[in-house]
Amino acid sequence: MFDLETLISAVIWILAILLSLSVHEYAHAKYADWAGDPTPRSQGRVTLNPLAHLDPLGTILIIFMAFSGYGIGWGKPVPVNPGYFRSPRRDWVMCAFWGPLSNIILAVIFAIPLRLMLASGERLPDSVFVDFMLSMVLANIGLAIFNMIPLHPLDGSKVLSGALPDIYDRRYWNFQMVYGPIILFGSILILPLIGLPNPLRFILLPAREFLVRLLLGL
């Protein structure tokens, strides 16, 4: 059984993750729509309504992760057709990049009042609202960093793909399509199950701590 404090913390974290994922997917959809691709709008994805962006399995795993501290969750990927883009190579990169960028913007917005509170020299008030704001900062910084890892299907793989010369891009993308998901999910799920550390944590956790401290002025 979970005590009330644990339950409240888990609910706050779940809400923060779901809201952050919804903004992330909306940013992808909005940029693709702006760049000339009608696909996201036809699928009802150019909206901030969280229900349009939730993946059933991904949402269940987010809830499991909130209570267990282990695992991974995700939102419903936004379908795009780069053939509609006005500048296919540029817009392919920018459409991918706007997801993590939206999370950075959201983290900054929620970090501002927290930073002002901390600048007063007092401790943060013990309240659900403050806990939610802090969760939003942590969740969005974490999502931004995680999604910029250059492994398919994460956004970072598309950003790096668009930045590479054509000859290397084709080789890189062929490799990513086959091995990217294996490396990613193997690192997150398989290695911890067999008692080995997730190597991505050695990148994600220090980067997240650095950016959170930078935003909060710690």
Protein backbone atom coordinates (compact mmCIF):
# COMPACT_ATOMS: atom_id res chain seq x y z
CA MET A 1 0.00 0.00 0.00
CA PHE A 2 1.15 3.54 -0.76
CA ASP A 3 0.85 6.29 1.81
CA LEU A 4 -0.88 9.54 0.90
CA GLU A 5 2.35 11.48 0.40
CA THR A 6 3.70 8.89 -2.03
CA LEU A 7 0.42 8.84 -3.92
CA ILE A 8 0.32 12.64 -4.24
CA SER A 9 3.95 12.73 -5.44
CA ALA A 10 3.22 10.06 -8.05
CA VAL A 11 0.11 11.89 -9.30
CA ILE A 12 2.06 15.16 -9.58
CA TRP A 13 4.81 13.42 -11.53
CA ILE A 14 2.32 11.69 -13.85
CA LEU A 15 0.55 14.99 -14.60
CA ALA A 16 3.88 16.72 -15.24
CA ILE A 17 5.03 14.01 -17.64
CA LEU A 18 1.71 13.85 -19.52
CA LEU A 19 1.54 17.64 -19.90
CA SER A 20 5.17 17.83 -21.00
CA LEU A 21 4.72 15.03 -23.56
CA SER A 22 1.59 16.73 -24.93
CA VAL A 23 3.46 20.01 -25.46
CA HIS A 24 6.35 18.08 -27.01
CA GLU A 25 4.13 16.30 -29.55
CA TYR A 26 2.13 19.46 -30.24
CA ALA A 27 5.37 21.28 -31.10
CA HIS A 28 6.23 18.59 -33.65
CA ALA A 29 2.74 18.77 -35.15
CA LYS A 30 2.61 22.57 -35.22
CA TYR A 31 5.96 22.90 -36.97
CA ALA A 32 5.10 20.22 -39.55
CA ASP A 33 1.77 21.96 -40.18
CA TRP A 34 3.55 25.31 -40.59
CA ALA A 35 6.10 23.72 -42.94
CA GLY A 36 3.35 22.56 -45.30
CA ASP A 37 2.58 19.00 -44.19
CA PRO A 38 -1.19 18.48 -43.76
CA THR A 39 -0.76 15.08 -42.10
CA PRO A 40 -0.67 16.17 -38.43
CA ARG A 41 -3.76 18.38 -38.83
CA SER A 42 -5.66 15.65 -40.64
CA GLN A 43 -4.85 13.33 -37.71
CA GLY A 44 -6.05 15.86 -35.14
CA ARG A 45 -2.58 16.38 -33.67
CA VAL A 46 -2.26 20.18 -33.96
CA THR A 47 -3.75 20.62 -30.51
CA LEU A 48 -2.67 20.92 -26.89
CA ASN A 49 -5.36 18.48 -25.82
CA PRO A 50 -3.40 15.72 -24.01
CA LEU A 51 -5.90 13.07 -25.12
CA ALA A 52 -4.77 13.53 -28.74
CA HIS A 53 -1.16 12.76 -27.86
CA LEU A 54 -1.41 9.86 -25.39
CA ASP A 55 -0.30 6.40 -26.40
CA PRO A 56 -2.21 3.77 -24.36
CA LEU A 57 0.80 1.55 -23.60
CA GLY A 58 3.14 4.51 -23.15
CA THR A 59 0.73 6.10 -20.66
CA ILE A 60 0.40 2.89 -18.65
CA LEU A 61 4.19 2.63 -18.46
CA ILE A 62 4.43 6.28 -17.37
CA ILE A 63 2.11 5.48 -14.46
CA PHE A 64 4.13 2.37 -13.64
CA MET A 65 7.35 4.40 -13.78
CA ALA A 66 5.92 7.07 -11.45
CA PHE A 67 5.29 4.49 -8.73
CA SER A 68 8.27 2.19 -9.33
CA GLY A 69 10.98 4.61 -10.45
CA TYR A 70 11.88 2.16 -13.22
CA GLY A 71 11.07 1.97 -16.91
CA ILE A 72 10.14 4.31 -19.73
CA GLY A 73 6.99 5.90 -21.12
CA TRP A 74 6.12 7.79 -24.30
CA GLY A 75 3.50 9.77 -26.13
CA LYS A 76 1.92 8.98 -29.48
CA PRO A 77 4.41 9.94 -32.24
CA VAL A 78 3.21 12.64 -34.63
CA PRO A 79 2.91 11.30 -38.21
CA VAL A 80 4.68 13.54 -40.73
CA ASN A 81 5.34 13.29 -44.45
CA PRO A 82 8.56 15.16 -45.33
CA GLY A 83 7.50 15.11 -48.99
CA TYR A 84 5.16 18.00 -48.19
CA PHE A 85 7.82 20.15 -46.54
CA ARG A 86 8.79 23.34 -48.35
CA SER A 87 12.44 22.69 -47.51
CA PRO A 88 12.57 18.94 -46.80
CA ARG A 89 16.04 18.71 -45.25
CA ARG A 90 15.75 21.83 -43.10
CA ASP A 91 12.18 21.15 -42.01
CA TRP A 92 12.95 17.50 -41.23
CA VAL A 93 15.57 18.69 -38.74
CA MET A 94 13.51 21.56 -37.33
CA CYS A 95 10.36 19.47 -36.95
CA ALA A 96 12.35 17.01 -34.83
CA PHE A 97 14.17 19.74 -32.91
CA TRP A 98 11.04 21.65 -31.92
CA GLY A 99 9.92 18.81 -29.64
CA PRO A 100 12.92 19.04 -27.25
CA LEU A 101 13.03 22.83 -27.67
CA SER A 102 9.42 23.11 -26.49
CA ASN A 103 10.38 21.20 -23.35
CA ILE A 104 13.28 23.57 -22.68
CA ILE A 105 10.92 26.55 -23.07
CA LEU A 106 8.41 24.95 -20.71
CA ALA A 107 11.16 24.23 -18.17
CA VAL A 108 12.27 27.87 -18.27
CA ILE A 109 8.69 29.10 -17.74
CA PHE A 110 8.22 26.97 -14.64
CA ALA A 111 11.75 27.64 -13.37
CA ILE A 112 11.30 31.43 -13.27
CA PRO A 113 8.96 31.59 -10.22
CA LEU A 114 11.02 28.93 -8.44
CA ARG A 115 14.21 30.89 -9.07
CA LEU A 116 12.59 34.07 -7.74
CA MET A 117 11.55 32.22 -4.58
CA LEU A 118 15.05 30.83 -4.09
CA ALA A 119 16.60 34.25 -4.75
CA SER A 120 14.77 35.58 -1.71
CA GLY A 121 17.03 33.42 0.43
CA GLU A 122 14.24 31.27 1.79
CA ARG A 123 13.48 27.60 1.25
CA LEU A 124 10.82 26.66 -1.25
CA PRO A 125 7.37 26.45 0.38
CA ASP A 126 6.12 22.95 1.03
CA SER A 127 3.05 22.91 -1.23
CA VAL A 128 1.56 20.81 -4.00
CA PHE A 129 1.85 23.72 -6.45
CA VAL A 130 5.58 24.18 -5.78
CA ASP A 131 6.10 20.42 -6.10
CA PHE A 132 4.28 20.52 -9.44
CA MET A 133 6.41 23.40 -10.74
CA LEU A 134 9.59 21.61 -9.70
CA SER A 135 8.35 18.39 -11.33
CA MET A 136 7.68 20.33 -14.54
CA VAL A 137 11.24 21.65 -14.56
CA LEU A 138 12.73 18.19 -13.93
CA ALA A 139 10.41 16.42 -16.37
CA ASN A 140 10.94 18.85 -19.22
CA ILE A 141 14.71 19.04 -18.85
CA GLY A 142 14.81 15.25 -18.70
CA LEU A 143 12.60 14.87 -21.78
CA ALA A 144 14.63 17.40 -23.76
CA ILE A 145 17.96 15.74 -22.99
CA PHE A 146 16.62 12.22 -23.47
CA ASN A 147 15.02 13.02 -26.82
CA MET A 148 18.21 14.59 -28.13
CA ILE A 149 20.09 11.30 -27.79
CA PRO A 150 21.00 10.38 -31.40
CA LEU A 151 19.32 6.98 -31.39
CA HIS A 152 16.23 6.15 -33.47
CA PRO A 153 13.33 6.71 -32.79
CA LEU A 154 14.38 9.70 -30.66
CA ASP A 155 14.43 13.21 -32.11
CA GLY A 156 18.19 13.48 -31.81
CA SER A 157 18.63 10.84 -34.50
CA LYS A 158 16.68 12.99 -36.99
CA VAL A 159 18.51 16.16 -36.00
CA LEU A 160 21.90 14.53 -36.49
CA SER A 161 20.74 12.86 -39.70
CA GLY A 162 19.82 16.21 -41.24
CA ALA A 163 23.13 17.74 -40.20
CA LEU A 164 25.28 15.07 -41.88
CA PRO A 165 26.45 15.17 -45.51
CA ASP A 166 24.28 12.98 -47.76
CA ILE A 167 26.76 10.10 -48.08
CA TYR A 168 27.14 9.79 -44.30
CA ASP A 169 23.48 10.50 -43.67
CA ARG A 170 22.37 7.44 -45.65
CA ARG A 171 24.80 5.16 -43.84
CA TYR A 172 23.91 6.64 -40.47
CA TRP A 173 20.15 6.35 -41.08
CA ASN A 174 20.41 2.76 -42.32
CA PHE A 175 22.30 1.91 -39.13
CA GLN A 176 19.79 3.77 -36.95
CA MET A 177 16.74 2.10 -38.46
CA VAL A 178 18.13 -1.33 -37.58
CA TYR A 179 20.22 -0.87 -34.46
CA GLY A 180 19.00 2.40 -32.91
CA PRO A 181 15.94 0.92 -31.15
CA ILE A 182 17.94 -2.14 -30.07
CA ILE A 183 20.64 0.00 -28.43
CA LEU A 184 18.10 2.35 -26.88
CA PHE A 185 15.70 -0.16 -25.35
CA GLY A 186 18.50 -2.56 -24.51
CA SER A 187 20.21 0.18 -22.48
CA ILE A 188 17.02 1.25 -20.70
CA LEU A 189 15.26 -2.06 -20.10
CA ILE A 190 17.48 -5.09 -20.69
CA LEU A 191 20.75 -4.09 -19.01
CA PRO A 192 19.14 -3.10 -15.68
CA LEU A 193 17.16 -6.36 -15.64
CA ILE A 194 20.36 -8.38 -15.78
CA GLY A 195 22.07 -6.25 -13.15
CA LEU A 196 24.13 -4.00 -15.41
CA PRO A 197 23.99 -0.18 -15.28
CA ASN A 198 22.17 1.78 -17.98
CA PRO A 199 25.02 3.62 -19.76
CA LEU A 200 22.68 6.43 -20.83
CA ARG A 201 22.24 7.44 -17.18
CA PHE A 202 25.89 8.55 -17.05
CA ILE A 203 24.99 11.15 -19.69
CA LEU A 204 21.42 12.01 -18.79
CA LEU A 205 21.67 12.49 -15.02
CA PRO A 206 24.71 14.84 -14.94
CA ALA A 207 23.32 16.85 -17.88
CA ARG A 208 19.91 17.16 -16.22
CA GLU A 209 21.42 18.17 -12.88
CA PHE A 210 23.58 20.81 -14.57
CA LEU A 211 20.68 22.36 -16.49
CA VAL A 212 18.29 22.28 -13.52
CA ARG A 213 20.87 23.99 -11.32
CA LEU A 214 21.49 26.55 -14.07
CA LEU A 215 17.78 27.35 -14.40
CA LEU A 216 17.16 27.54 -10.67
CA GLY A 217 20.35 29.48 -9.93
CA LEU A 218 21.66 26.88 -7.49
